[in-house]
N, C-alpha and C. Protein backbone atom coordinates (compact mmCIF):
# COMPACT_ATOMS: atom_id res chain seq x y z
N MET A 1 -34.39 163.74 142.57
CA MET A 1 -33.19 164.01 142.16
C MET A 1 -32.13 163.18 143.27
N THR A 2 -32.44 163.54 144.36
CA THR A 2 -31.66 163.00 145.50
C THR A 2 -31.82 161.58 145.43
N MET A 3 -32.85 160.88 144.82
CA MET A 3 -32.82 159.28 144.62
C MET A 3 -32.04 158.78 143.77
N LYS A 4 -31.69 159.63 142.26
CA LYS A 4 -30.96 159.70 141.37
C LYS A 4 -29.71 158.98 141.89
N VAL A 5 -29.17 160.35 142.69
CA VAL A 5 -27.57 160.55 143.39
C VAL A 5 -27.08 159.47 143.75
N ILE A 6 -28.14 159.07 144.98
CA ILE A 6 -28.05 157.69 145.61
C ILE A 6 -27.81 156.70 144.87
N GLY A 7 -28.68 156.37 143.77
CA GLY A 7 -28.84 155.05 142.91
C GLY A 7 -27.59 155.27 142.15
N THR A 8 -27.02 156.40 141.65
CA THR A 8 -25.66 156.50 141.07
C THR A 8 -24.71 156.14 141.72
N ALA A 9 -24.41 156.50 142.85
CA ALA A 9 -23.50 156.34 143.95
C ALA A 9 -23.41 154.59 144.27
N ASN A 10 -24.83 154.05 144.47
CA ASN A 10 -24.73 153.01 144.62
C ASN A 10 -24.62 151.83 143.67
N ALA A 11 -24.74 152.12 142.41
CA ALA A 11 -24.04 151.58 141.31
C ALA A 11 -22.49 151.62 140.87
N ALA A 12 -21.94 152.51 141.51
CA ALA A 12 -20.69 152.96 141.38
C ALA A 12 -19.59 151.94 142.62
N ARG A 13 -20.22 151.97 143.66
CA ARG A 13 -19.93 151.15 144.49
C ARG A 13 -20.02 149.47 144.28
N GLN A 14 -20.77 149.05 143.44
CA GLN A 14 -21.02 148.19 143.18
C GLN A 14 -19.99 147.64 141.96
N ARG A 15 -19.54 148.53 140.80
CA ARG A 15 -18.90 148.09 140.07
C ARG A 15 -17.19 148.18 140.85
N THR A 16 -17.53 148.79 141.43
CA THR A 16 -16.12 148.89 141.98
C THR A 16 -15.69 147.55 143.18
N HIS A 17 -16.57 146.85 143.26
CA HIS A 17 -16.80 145.22 144.27
C HIS A 17 -16.49 144.40 143.12
N TRP A 18 -16.36 144.68 141.65
CA TRP A 18 -15.97 143.37 140.71
C TRP A 18 -14.87 142.83 140.99
N PRO A 19 -13.75 143.65 141.00
CA PRO A 19 -12.00 143.10 141.36
C PRO A 19 -12.33 141.87 142.58
N LEU A 20 -12.81 142.89 143.53
CA LEU A 20 -12.75 141.79 144.89
C LEU A 20 -13.42 140.49 144.63
N VAL A 21 -14.70 140.73 144.19
CA VAL A 21 -15.66 139.23 143.44
C VAL A 21 -14.75 138.53 142.77
N ILE A 22 -13.85 139.03 141.94
CA ILE A 22 -13.00 138.01 141.11
C ILE A 22 -11.99 137.35 142.04
N VAL A 23 -11.47 138.40 142.83
CA VAL A 23 -10.17 137.84 143.76
C VAL A 23 -10.49 136.77 144.60
N LEU A 24 -11.36 136.86 144.98
CA LEU A 24 -12.31 135.84 146.29
C LEU A 24 -12.60 134.87 145.61
N GLY A 25 -13.67 134.93 144.58
CA GLY A 25 -13.65 133.57 143.67
C GLY A 25 -12.76 133.07 143.53
N LEU A 26 -11.40 133.60 142.90
CA LEU A 26 -10.41 132.45 142.57
C LEU A 26 -10.16 131.88 143.82
N LEU A 27 -9.94 132.48 144.80
CA LEU A 27 -9.23 131.94 146.06
C LEU A 27 -10.29 130.79 146.60
N ALA A 28 -11.67 131.02 146.38
CA ALA A 28 -12.82 130.23 146.84
C ALA A 28 -12.28 128.84 145.95
N ALA A 29 -12.28 129.18 144.69
CA ALA A 29 -12.10 128.21 143.80
C ALA A 29 -11.01 126.93 144.06
N THR A 30 -9.82 128.04 144.65
CA THR A 30 -8.29 127.38 145.09
C THR A 30 -8.38 126.73 146.20
N ALA A 31 -9.20 127.07 147.05
CA ALA A 31 -9.30 126.13 148.17
C ALA A 31 -10.39 125.16 148.19
N LEU A 32 -11.60 125.31 147.28
CA LEU A 32 -11.96 124.05 147.08
C LEU A 32 -11.11 123.05 146.15
N TRP A 33 -10.49 123.58 145.34
CA TRP A 33 -9.22 122.24 145.11
C TRP A 33 -8.43 121.87 146.16
N PHE A 34 -8.00 122.32 146.77
CA PHE A 34 -6.84 121.95 148.08
C PHE A 34 -7.88 121.09 148.79
N VAL A 35 -9.09 121.16 149.19
CA VAL A 35 -9.70 120.45 150.02
C VAL A 35 -10.12 118.87 149.14
N GLN A 36 -10.65 118.96 147.86
CA GLN A 36 -10.73 117.86 147.09
C GLN A 36 -9.47 116.91 146.58
N HIS A 37 -8.44 117.42 146.60
CA HIS A 37 -7.13 117.11 146.02
C HIS A 37 -5.97 116.66 146.84
N ALA A 38 -6.04 117.61 148.29
CA ALA A 38 -5.10 117.72 149.37
C ALA A 38 -5.59 117.14 150.72
N LEU A 39 -7.03 117.20 150.75
CA LEU A 39 -7.19 116.33 152.18
C LEU A 39 -8.53 115.42 152.05
N HIS A 40 -8.71 115.18 151.15
CA HIS A 40 -9.90 114.27 151.11
C HIS A 40 -9.46 113.00 151.41
N TYR A 41 -8.19 112.28 151.55
CA TYR A 41 -7.98 111.16 151.94
C TYR A 41 -7.74 111.15 153.76
N TYR A 42 -7.70 112.51 154.20
CA TYR A 42 -7.64 112.66 155.41
C TYR A 42 -8.84 112.26 156.25
N SER A 43 -9.87 111.80 155.47
CA SER A 43 -11.18 111.46 155.83
C SER A 43 -11.27 110.10 155.95
N ASP A 44 -10.45 109.55 155.46
CA ASP A 44 -10.40 107.93 155.64
C ASP A 44 -9.05 107.92 156.87
N PHE A 45 -9.71 107.64 158.00
CA PHE A 45 -9.02 107.81 159.58
C PHE A 45 -8.16 106.06 159.57
N SER A 46 -6.85 106.43 158.76
CA SER A 46 -6.28 105.27 158.79
C SER A 46 -4.92 105.38 158.46
N LEU A 47 -4.49 104.28 158.98
CA LEU A 47 -2.61 104.45 158.82
C LEU A 47 -2.24 104.35 157.28
N ALA A 48 -3.10 103.61 156.34
CA ALA A 48 -3.14 103.43 154.87
C ALA A 48 -3.18 105.28 154.11
N SER A 49 -4.22 105.84 154.93
CA SER A 49 -4.14 106.86 154.16
C SER A 49 -3.44 108.17 154.85
N TYR A 50 -3.04 108.03 156.09
CA TYR A 50 -2.13 109.27 156.98
C TYR A 50 -0.77 109.04 156.47
N GLY A 51 -0.49 107.71 156.62
CA GLY A 51 0.97 107.52 156.59
C GLY A 51 1.84 107.52 157.70
N GLU A 52 3.10 106.63 157.67
CA GLU A 52 3.39 106.28 158.95
C GLU A 52 3.56 107.61 159.94
N TYR A 53 4.14 108.44 159.22
CA TYR A 53 4.57 109.95 159.82
C TYR A 53 3.65 110.73 160.32
N TYR A 54 2.30 110.91 159.55
CA TYR A 54 1.39 111.69 160.05
C TYR A 54 0.54 110.89 160.87
N TRP A 55 0.26 109.49 160.95
CA TRP A 55 -0.49 108.46 161.54
C TRP A 55 -0.02 108.72 163.22
N ALA A 56 1.68 108.75 163.09
CA ALA A 56 1.70 108.81 164.83
C ALA A 56 1.62 110.52 165.18
N ARG A 57 1.22 111.15 164.33
CA ARG A 57 0.60 112.79 165.02
C ARG A 57 -0.31 112.93 164.42
N ARG A 58 -1.30 112.31 164.49
CA ARG A 58 -3.02 112.21 163.95
C ARG A 58 -3.46 113.26 165.07
N LEU A 59 -3.40 112.92 166.11
CA LEU A 59 -3.90 113.71 167.61
C LEU A 59 -4.07 115.08 167.43
N VAL A 60 -2.60 115.34 166.69
CA VAL A 60 -2.38 117.00 166.68
C VAL A 60 -2.69 117.28 165.22
N LEU A 61 -2.36 116.62 164.39
CA LEU A 61 -2.47 116.92 162.87
C LEU A 61 -3.90 117.40 162.36
N VAL A 62 -5.40 116.73 163.24
CA VAL A 62 -6.27 116.45 162.47
C VAL A 62 -7.13 118.16 163.37
N PRO A 63 -6.71 118.54 164.33
CA PRO A 63 -7.23 120.08 165.20
C PRO A 63 -6.61 120.67 164.24
N HIS A 64 -5.48 120.73 163.56
CA HIS A 64 -4.26 121.44 162.93
C HIS A 64 -5.21 121.85 161.54
N LEU A 65 -5.35 120.30 160.90
CA LEU A 65 -6.05 120.60 159.56
C LEU A 65 -7.79 121.16 159.97
N PHE A 66 -8.60 120.90 160.90
CA PHE A 66 -9.67 121.65 161.20
C PHE A 66 -9.73 123.00 161.22
N GLY A 67 -8.76 123.74 162.38
CA GLY A 67 -8.37 124.65 162.16
C GLY A 67 -8.23 125.95 161.32
N GLY A 68 -7.47 124.95 160.42
CA GLY A 68 -6.81 125.61 159.17
C GLY A 68 -8.16 125.83 158.38
N LEU A 69 -8.88 124.80 158.28
CA LEU A 69 -9.93 124.88 157.11
C LEU A 69 -11.06 125.73 157.74
N LEU A 70 -10.86 125.99 158.73
CA LEU A 70 -12.10 126.59 159.57
C LEU A 70 -11.74 128.25 159.42
N ALA A 71 -10.58 128.57 159.49
CA ALA A 71 -9.92 129.97 159.14
C ALA A 71 -10.18 130.07 157.62
N LEU A 72 -9.86 129.18 156.85
CA LEU A 72 -9.51 129.51 155.42
C LEU A 72 -11.07 129.71 154.91
N SER A 73 -12.00 128.93 155.59
CA SER A 73 -13.77 129.29 154.69
C SER A 73 -13.99 130.67 155.24
N ALA A 74 -13.89 130.56 156.89
CA ALA A 74 -14.32 131.67 157.51
C ALA A 74 -13.93 133.34 156.94
N GLY A 75 -12.59 133.16 156.64
CA GLY A 75 -11.82 134.34 155.87
C GLY A 75 -12.44 134.59 154.81
N ILE A 76 -12.25 134.27 153.78
CA ILE A 76 -12.96 134.42 152.57
C ILE A 76 -14.20 135.22 152.74
N VAL A 77 -15.20 134.67 153.56
CA VAL A 77 -16.52 135.26 153.84
C VAL A 77 -16.33 137.16 154.59
N GLN A 78 -15.73 136.65 155.82
CA GLN A 78 -14.66 137.68 156.30
C GLN A 78 -14.48 139.28 155.52
N LEU A 79 -13.45 138.58 154.63
CA LEU A 79 -12.83 139.52 153.63
C LEU A 79 -14.14 140.21 152.72
N TRP A 80 -14.95 139.47 152.39
CA TRP A 80 -15.81 140.21 151.90
C TRP A 80 -16.88 141.01 152.57
N LEU A 81 -17.46 140.97 153.71
CA LEU A 81 -18.12 141.12 154.31
C LEU A 81 -16.98 142.74 155.05
N GLY A 82 -15.80 142.56 155.10
CA GLY A 82 -14.94 143.46 156.11
C GLY A 82 -14.94 144.57 154.71
N LEU A 83 -14.34 144.43 153.57
CA LEU A 83 -13.95 145.14 152.57
C LEU A 83 -15.02 145.52 151.72
N THR A 84 -16.31 145.25 152.02
CA THR A 84 -17.73 145.95 151.40
C THR A 84 -18.09 147.00 152.41
N ASN A 85 -17.92 146.98 153.50
CA ASN A 85 -18.56 147.69 154.95
C ASN A 85 -19.82 146.92 155.24
N ARG A 86 -20.01 145.57 155.15
CA ARG A 86 -20.87 145.06 155.53
C ARG A 86 -20.71 144.30 157.33
N ILE A 87 -20.62 145.54 157.59
CA ILE A 87 -20.19 145.19 159.35
C ILE A 87 -21.17 144.84 160.17
N GLY A 88 -21.51 143.64 160.66
CA GLY A 88 -23.02 143.67 161.50
C GLY A 88 -22.64 142.14 162.41
N LYS A 89 -24.06 142.03 162.71
CA LYS A 89 -23.46 140.70 163.58
C LYS A 89 -23.03 139.47 162.68
N LEU A 90 -23.16 139.33 161.88
CA LEU A 90 -22.50 138.11 160.86
C LEU A 90 -21.19 138.33 161.20
N HIS A 91 -20.90 139.30 160.72
CA HIS A 91 -19.16 139.97 160.60
C HIS A 91 -18.27 139.28 161.89
N ARG A 92 -19.31 139.73 163.07
CA ARG A 92 -18.91 139.55 164.37
C ARG A 92 -18.54 138.04 164.61
N ASN A 93 -19.75 137.85 164.52
CA ASN A 93 -19.31 136.26 164.58
C ASN A 93 -18.54 135.22 163.88
N LEU A 94 -18.53 135.52 162.61
CA LEU A 94 -17.55 134.95 161.78
C LEU A 94 -16.13 135.04 162.26
N GLY A 95 -16.07 136.57 162.90
CA GLY A 95 -14.30 136.96 163.07
C GLY A 95 -14.15 136.08 164.65
N LYS A 96 -15.33 135.74 165.47
CA LYS A 96 -15.02 134.98 166.01
C LYS A 96 -14.42 133.23 165.75
N VAL A 97 -15.10 132.96 165.19
CA VAL A 97 -15.05 131.76 164.24
C VAL A 97 -13.59 131.67 163.70
N TYR A 98 -13.20 132.73 162.93
CA TYR A 98 -11.78 132.80 162.15
C TYR A 98 -10.91 132.87 163.39
N VAL A 99 -11.04 133.78 164.33
CA VAL A 99 -9.85 133.39 165.53
C VAL A 99 -9.50 132.35 166.09
N THR A 100 -11.12 131.35 166.27
CA THR A 100 -10.80 130.05 166.83
C THR A 100 -10.29 129.19 166.01
N GLY A 101 -10.55 129.44 164.70
CA GLY A 101 -9.69 128.75 163.94
C GLY A 101 -8.51 128.76 163.34
N VAL A 102 -7.99 130.05 164.07
CA VAL A 102 -6.61 130.31 163.88
C VAL A 102 -5.76 129.81 165.17
N VAL A 103 -6.18 129.81 166.14
CA VAL A 103 -5.52 129.03 167.45
C VAL A 103 -5.67 128.01 167.39
N ILE A 104 -6.67 126.99 167.10
CA ILE A 104 -6.82 125.64 167.34
C ILE A 104 -5.49 124.99 166.09
N GLY A 105 -5.79 125.89 164.48
CA GLY A 105 -4.41 125.55 164.04
C GLY A 105 -2.89 125.87 163.90
N SER A 106 -2.85 126.80 164.74
CA SER A 106 -1.26 127.19 164.66
C SER A 106 -1.12 126.37 166.21
N LEU A 107 -1.64 126.09 167.37
CA LEU A 107 -1.26 125.20 168.06
C LEU A 107 -0.76 123.97 167.34
N GLY A 108 -1.60 123.37 166.92
CA GLY A 108 -1.28 122.25 166.14
C GLY A 108 -0.12 122.20 165.36
N GLY A 109 -0.25 123.60 164.49
CA GLY A 109 1.21 123.67 163.76
C GLY A 109 2.32 124.24 164.27
N PHE A 110 2.49 124.67 165.82
CA PHE A 110 3.48 124.67 166.66
C PHE A 110 4.24 123.65 166.96
N TYR A 111 3.20 122.66 167.29
CA TYR A 111 3.72 121.28 167.77
C TYR A 111 4.30 120.90 166.75
N LEU A 112 3.71 120.41 165.50
CA LEU A 112 4.04 119.48 164.38
C LEU A 112 5.65 120.26 163.93
N ALA A 113 5.70 121.52 163.98
CA ALA A 113 6.82 122.13 163.78
C ALA A 113 8.14 121.89 164.42
N LEU A 114 7.60 121.97 166.09
CA LEU A 114 8.75 121.44 166.69
C LEU A 114 8.74 119.81 166.97
N ASN A 115 8.19 119.48 166.12
CA ASN A 115 8.55 117.60 166.39
C ASN A 115 9.06 116.82 165.09
N VAL A 116 9.62 117.94 163.95
CA VAL A 116 10.15 117.49 162.71
C VAL A 116 11.12 116.60 162.90
N PRO A 117 11.43 115.80 162.43
CA PRO A 117 12.50 114.73 162.70
C PRO A 117 13.85 115.76 162.69
N PRO A 118 15.01 115.18 163.50
CA PRO A 118 16.15 115.56 163.01
C PRO A 118 16.73 115.82 161.64
N GLY A 119 17.34 116.71 160.91
CA GLY A 119 17.64 117.03 159.95
C GLY A 119 16.90 117.28 159.16
N TYR A 120 16.43 118.40 159.75
CA TYR A 120 15.23 119.02 158.51
C TYR A 120 14.99 120.71 159.41
N PHE A 121 16.17 121.12 159.64
CA PHE A 121 16.02 122.20 160.84
C PHE A 121 15.14 123.35 159.77
N ALA A 122 15.72 123.28 158.77
CA ALA A 122 15.20 124.82 158.09
C ALA A 122 13.74 124.60 157.47
N TYR A 123 13.35 123.31 157.40
CA TYR A 123 12.29 122.96 156.98
C TYR A 123 11.38 123.62 158.29
N ALA A 124 11.46 122.75 159.56
CA ALA A 124 11.03 122.96 160.79
C ALA A 124 10.90 124.44 161.10
N MET A 125 11.71 125.29 160.98
CA MET A 125 11.68 126.77 161.34
C MET A 125 10.63 127.61 160.24
N GLY A 126 10.84 126.91 158.95
CA GLY A 126 9.76 128.12 158.05
C GLY A 126 8.50 127.51 158.36
N LEU A 127 8.27 126.03 159.22
CA LEU A 127 6.76 125.95 159.26
C LEU A 127 6.94 126.84 161.14
N PHE A 128 7.55 126.88 161.83
CA PHE A 128 7.19 127.75 162.88
C PHE A 128 6.83 129.11 162.72
N PHE A 129 7.72 129.93 162.39
CA PHE A 129 7.68 130.96 161.77
C PHE A 129 6.36 131.33 160.66
N LEU A 130 5.68 130.34 160.00
CA LEU A 130 4.83 130.25 159.46
C LEU A 130 3.57 131.00 160.58
N CYS A 131 3.77 130.02 161.96
CA CYS A 131 2.54 129.89 162.87
C CYS A 131 2.80 131.37 163.92
N VAL A 132 4.23 131.55 163.86
CA VAL A 132 4.37 132.79 164.21
C VAL A 132 3.87 134.12 163.39
N ALA A 133 4.03 133.86 162.46
CA ALA A 133 3.15 134.93 161.40
C ALA A 133 1.96 135.15 161.15
N TRP A 134 1.22 133.67 161.90
CA TRP A 134 -0.35 133.22 161.17
C TRP A 134 -0.77 134.19 162.81
N THR A 135 -0.12 134.06 163.71
CA THR A 135 -1.00 134.57 164.99
C THR A 135 -0.64 135.67 165.50
N ALA A 136 0.67 136.39 165.06
CA ALA A 136 0.56 137.47 165.16
C ALA A 136 0.08 138.28 164.30
N ASN A 137 -0.12 138.16 163.02
CA ASN A 137 -1.01 138.96 162.30
C ASN A 137 -2.40 139.15 162.85
N THR A 138 -2.75 137.82 163.07
CA THR A 138 -4.45 137.64 163.43
C THR A 138 -4.59 138.50 164.88
N GLY A 139 -3.38 138.45 165.65
CA GLY A 139 -3.21 138.97 166.98
C GLY A 139 -3.58 140.50 166.90
N MET A 140 -2.70 140.95 165.67
CA MET A 140 -2.75 142.57 165.80
C MET A 140 -4.21 142.88 164.81
N ALA A 141 -5.08 142.22 164.31
CA ALA A 141 -6.28 142.50 163.76
C ALA A 141 -6.82 142.36 164.87
N LEU A 142 -6.99 141.49 165.95
CA LEU A 142 -8.04 141.69 166.99
C LEU A 142 -7.87 142.63 167.84
N TRP A 143 -6.22 143.19 168.10
CA TRP A 143 -6.18 144.21 168.93
C TRP A 143 -6.22 145.61 168.23
N CYS A 144 -6.49 145.53 167.14
CA CYS A 144 -6.95 146.66 166.16
C CYS A 144 -8.67 147.11 166.46
N ILE A 145 -9.15 146.19 165.95
CA ILE A 145 -10.63 146.28 166.29
C ILE A 145 -11.16 146.46 167.76
N ARG A 146 -10.06 145.91 168.58
CA ARG A 146 -10.61 146.47 170.01
C ARG A 146 -10.23 147.86 170.16
N GLN A 147 -9.34 148.76 169.47
CA GLN A 147 -9.23 149.66 169.70
C GLN A 147 -9.99 150.71 168.35
N ARG A 148 -10.93 150.09 167.86
CA ARG A 148 -11.24 150.76 167.12
C ARG A 148 -11.03 151.15 165.75
N GLN A 149 -9.99 150.79 165.61
CA GLN A 149 -8.79 151.56 164.45
C GLN A 149 -9.13 150.20 163.10
N ILE A 150 -10.64 150.74 162.73
CA ILE A 150 -11.18 149.84 161.66
C ILE A 150 -10.36 149.70 160.12
N ASP A 151 -9.64 150.54 159.79
CA ASP A 151 -9.01 150.73 158.78
C ASP A 151 -7.50 149.32 159.05
N GLN A 152 -6.95 149.82 160.28
CA GLN A 152 -5.76 148.83 160.39
C GLN A 152 -6.41 147.35 160.57
N HIS A 153 -7.56 147.32 161.18
CA HIS A 153 -7.79 145.97 161.67
C HIS A 153 -8.28 145.46 160.13
N ARG A 154 -8.63 146.16 159.03
CA ARG A 154 -8.44 145.35 157.87
C ARG A 154 -7.15 144.84 157.00
N GLU A 155 -6.55 145.81 157.47
CA GLU A 155 -5.16 145.47 156.46
C GLU A 155 -4.48 144.28 157.40
N TRP A 156 -4.25 144.25 158.56
CA TRP A 156 -3.74 143.16 159.33
C TRP A 156 -4.85 141.65 158.77
N MET A 157 -6.02 141.81 158.95
CA MET A 157 -6.94 140.80 158.45
C MET A 157 -6.41 140.31 157.05
N ILE A 158 -5.82 141.35 156.08
CA ILE A 158 -5.51 140.84 154.95
C ILE A 158 -4.16 140.17 154.96
N ARG A 159 -3.39 140.28 155.72
CA ARG A 159 -2.15 140.06 156.21
C ARG A 159 -2.59 138.62 156.48
N SER A 160 -3.28 138.51 157.85
CA SER A 160 -3.53 137.37 158.26
C SER A 160 -4.04 136.19 157.11
N TYR A 161 -5.27 136.43 156.59
CA TYR A 161 -5.56 135.47 155.52
C TYR A 161 -4.53 135.17 154.61
N VAL A 162 -3.55 136.24 154.33
CA VAL A 162 -2.66 135.97 153.30
C VAL A 162 -1.96 134.42 153.75
N VAL A 163 -1.57 134.48 155.17
CA VAL A 163 -0.70 133.71 155.94
C VAL A 163 -2.02 132.36 156.16
N THR A 164 -3.11 132.35 156.05
CA THR A 164 -3.99 131.34 156.30
C THR A 164 -3.87 130.67 154.95
N PHE A 165 -3.98 131.22 153.66
CA PHE A 165 -3.70 130.85 152.43
C PHE A 165 -2.52 130.13 152.13
N ALA A 166 -1.83 129.76 153.05
CA ALA A 166 -0.43 129.22 152.94
C ALA A 166 -0.39 127.68 152.88
N PHE A 167 -1.73 127.13 153.60
CA PHE A 167 -1.88 126.11 153.62
C PHE A 167 -2.23 125.08 151.92
N VAL A 168 -2.97 126.38 151.41
CA VAL A 168 -3.38 126.00 149.82
C VAL A 168 -2.41 126.15 149.13
N SER A 169 -1.65 127.35 149.05
CA SER A 169 -0.22 127.92 148.41
C SER A 169 0.63 126.99 148.40
N ILE A 170 0.88 126.37 149.51
CA ILE A 170 2.35 125.22 149.67
C ILE A 170 1.64 124.15 148.94
N ARG A 171 0.63 123.17 148.79
CA ARG A 171 -0.02 122.29 148.03
C ARG A 171 0.20 122.53 146.57
N LEU A 172 -0.49 123.76 146.71
CA LEU A 172 -0.75 124.13 144.90
C LEU A 172 0.75 124.16 144.11
N VAL A 173 1.78 125.12 144.76
CA VAL A 173 3.03 125.09 144.33
C VAL A 173 3.99 124.03 144.33
N SER A 174 3.53 123.44 145.79
CA SER A 174 4.32 122.16 145.41
C SER A 174 4.03 121.10 144.36
N GLN A 175 2.63 120.92 144.25
CA GLN A 175 2.52 120.07 143.03
C GLN A 175 3.21 120.44 141.82
N TRP A 176 3.44 121.68 141.57
CA TRP A 176 3.14 122.18 140.25
C TRP A 176 4.99 122.05 140.33
N LEU A 177 5.62 122.29 141.06
CA LEU A 177 6.94 122.07 141.05
C LEU A 177 7.39 120.61 141.13
N HIS A 178 6.93 119.89 141.72
CA HIS A 178 7.40 118.10 141.21
C HIS A 178 6.99 117.48 140.25
N ASP A 179 6.05 118.39 139.65
CA ASP A 179 5.81 117.88 138.28
C ASP A 179 6.77 118.33 137.15
N TYR A 180 7.08 119.40 137.64
CA TYR A 180 8.13 120.02 136.82
C TYR A 180 9.65 119.29 136.66
N TYR A 181 9.78 119.32 138.32
CA TYR A 181 11.24 118.81 138.25
C TYR A 181 11.38 116.81 138.42
N HIS A 182 10.09 116.35 137.94
CA HIS A 182 9.83 115.18 138.01
C HIS A 182 10.94 114.42 136.97
N GLN A 183 12.18 114.09 137.52
CA GLN A 183 13.05 113.35 136.79
C GLN A 183 13.45 111.77 137.68
N PRO A 184 13.72 110.95 137.03
CA PRO A 184 13.71 109.72 137.66
C PRO A 184 15.76 109.83 138.74
N ASP A 185 16.36 110.51 137.77
CA ASP A 185 17.49 110.73 138.88
C ASP A 185 17.93 111.90 139.45
N VAL A 186 16.66 112.74 139.90
CA VAL A 186 16.97 114.00 140.77
C VAL A 186 15.96 114.12 141.79
N ASP A 187 16.60 114.06 142.76
CA ASP A 187 15.49 114.02 144.08
C ASP A 187 15.61 115.52 144.56
N VAL A 188 14.62 116.35 144.49
CA VAL A 188 14.67 117.39 144.88
C VAL A 188 13.34 117.73 145.93
N ALA A 189 12.62 116.81 146.38
CA ALA A 189 11.46 116.64 147.26
C ALA A 189 12.14 117.54 148.35
N ASP A 190 12.93 117.31 149.38
CA ASP A 190 13.21 117.56 150.59
C ASP A 190 13.71 119.32 150.02
N ASP A 191 14.37 119.66 149.31
CA ASP A 191 14.46 121.49 148.94
C ASP A 191 13.50 122.07 148.49
N ILE A 192 12.61 121.32 147.89
CA ILE A 192 11.01 121.71 147.42
C ILE A 192 10.26 122.07 148.79
N GLY A 193 10.27 120.74 149.45
CA GLY A 193 9.44 121.29 151.08
C GLY A 193 10.05 122.14 151.75
N THR A 194 11.20 122.41 152.08
CA THR A 194 12.41 123.49 152.88
C THR A 194 11.89 125.05 152.31
N ALA A 195 12.08 125.21 150.69
CA ALA A 195 11.72 126.46 150.33
C ALA A 195 10.41 126.92 150.47
N LEU A 196 9.45 126.08 150.38
CA LEU A 196 7.75 126.38 150.23
C LEU A 196 7.21 126.75 151.55
N ALA A 197 8.03 125.69 152.65
CA ALA A 197 8.17 125.90 153.92
C ALA A 197 7.87 127.52 154.64
N TRP A 198 9.06 128.18 153.96
CA TRP A 198 9.29 129.55 153.94
C TRP A 198 8.34 130.67 153.07
N ALA A 199 8.63 130.04 151.62
CA ALA A 199 7.79 130.87 150.40
C ALA A 199 6.57 130.79 150.53
N SER A 200 6.05 130.05 151.17
CA SER A 200 4.45 130.02 150.77
C SER A 200 3.40 131.12 151.80
N TRP A 201 4.37 131.47 153.07
CA TRP A 201 3.62 132.92 153.31
C TRP A 201 4.26 133.76 153.47
N ALA A 202 6.06 133.81 152.93
CA ALA A 202 7.12 134.96 152.80
C ALA A 202 6.56 135.26 151.91
N VAL A 203 6.48 134.94 150.70
CA VAL A 203 6.52 135.92 149.51
C VAL A 203 4.99 136.18 149.35
N PRO A 204 3.64 135.48 149.63
CA PRO A 204 2.56 136.41 149.50
C PRO A 204 2.50 137.56 150.24
N LEU A 205 2.68 137.49 151.71
CA LEU A 205 3.64 138.61 152.29
C LEU A 205 3.71 140.05 151.92
N LEU A 206 4.79 139.43 151.04
CA LEU A 206 5.41 140.72 150.62
C LEU A 206 5.10 141.22 149.45
N LEU A 207 4.19 140.08 148.61
CA LEU A 207 3.30 140.99 147.49
C LEU A 207 2.00 141.64 147.70
N ALA A 208 1.60 141.06 148.84
CA ALA A 208 0.47 141.98 149.41
C ALA A 208 0.89 143.18 150.15
N GLU A 209 1.70 143.33 150.43
CA GLU A 209 2.15 144.62 151.30
C GLU A 209 2.00 145.85 150.25
N PRO A 210 2.35 146.05 148.90
CA PRO A 210 2.46 147.29 148.55
C PRO A 210 0.77 147.48 147.87
N LEU A 211 0.03 146.71 147.61
CA LEU A 211 -1.29 146.30 147.24
C LEU A 211 -2.08 147.05 148.49
N ILE A 212 -1.91 146.58 149.60
CA ILE A 212 -2.31 147.19 150.98
C ILE A 212 -1.86 148.86 151.17
N GLN A 213 -0.81 149.10 150.75
CA GLN A 213 -0.45 150.27 151.14
C GLN A 213 -1.20 151.18 150.07
N MET A 214 -1.13 150.71 148.64
CA MET A 214 -1.79 151.23 147.39
C MET A 214 -3.28 151.75 147.66
N ARG A 215 -3.93 150.75 148.71
CA ARG A 215 -4.98 151.04 149.01
C ARG A 215 -5.34 151.94 149.84
N ARG A 216 -4.32 152.31 150.79
CA ARG A 216 -4.38 152.90 151.78
C ARG A 216 -4.39 154.44 151.09
N VAL A 217 -3.42 154.86 150.15
CA VAL A 217 -2.78 155.85 149.44
C VAL A 217 -4.11 156.20 148.81
N THR A 218 -4.43 155.42 147.96
CA THR A 218 -5.97 155.91 147.53
C THR A 218 -7.08 155.97 148.18
N ARG A 219 -7.36 155.28 149.56
CA ARG A 219 -8.18 156.04 149.93
C ARG A 219 -8.23 157.30 150.82
N GLU A 220 -6.63 157.71 151.14
CA GLU A 220 -6.42 158.95 151.54
C GLU A 220 -6.85 160.05 150.39
N ARG A 221 -6.34 159.73 149.40
CA ARG A 221 -6.25 160.93 148.54
C ARG A 221 -7.93 161.09 148.19
N SER A 222 -8.86 160.04 148.57
CA SER A 222 -10.02 160.23 147.80
C SER A 222 -10.92 161.01 149.03
N VAL A 223 -10.25 161.32 150.01
CA VAL A 223 -10.71 161.83 151.33
C VAL A 223 -11.22 163.56 151.07
């Protein structure tokens, strides 16, 4: 009888993981699209691939991209392990990898934001505060786990990964907007870049927060 109850409970937990599997699967597929369509040309370390602007900043851009990809890939696995209570050595080690990626990526991001050419102040500030949000949310997640606040750690990690995924969403939405507004007599490239420098992280954070709070309320009601 006891084994039957345990088996039923395990089956119920597995069923509740399906929404998470779907969400993380979509994130992983979108991240792979990003790597294939947006980053592949950076593997050709040349002026022709990077363009004049990024070639002059290549020694900072490459670590920035490497750190972002490190956090992007490790973060998906971390979310699965953390939200399904698979907390062990792998989870702790990947957490260190994730934080390392955020540190490297954000340092490069701060430099790039502070060295945007004059005339693009709003765009530069959007990138700068993206890095602020990235480090702040990740720092809070790290602080909470050191305080043994597991639930708060999970919430801050979700926020942190939402900002990490801005690397993907900014490219995905930018491509869609450029295709949508592609008209010979209308140049909206600068406006799109400025808007997405802010919206790529602020809007997902805004949308994620109600879901985080709903999860907290549901968890507290089930106790």
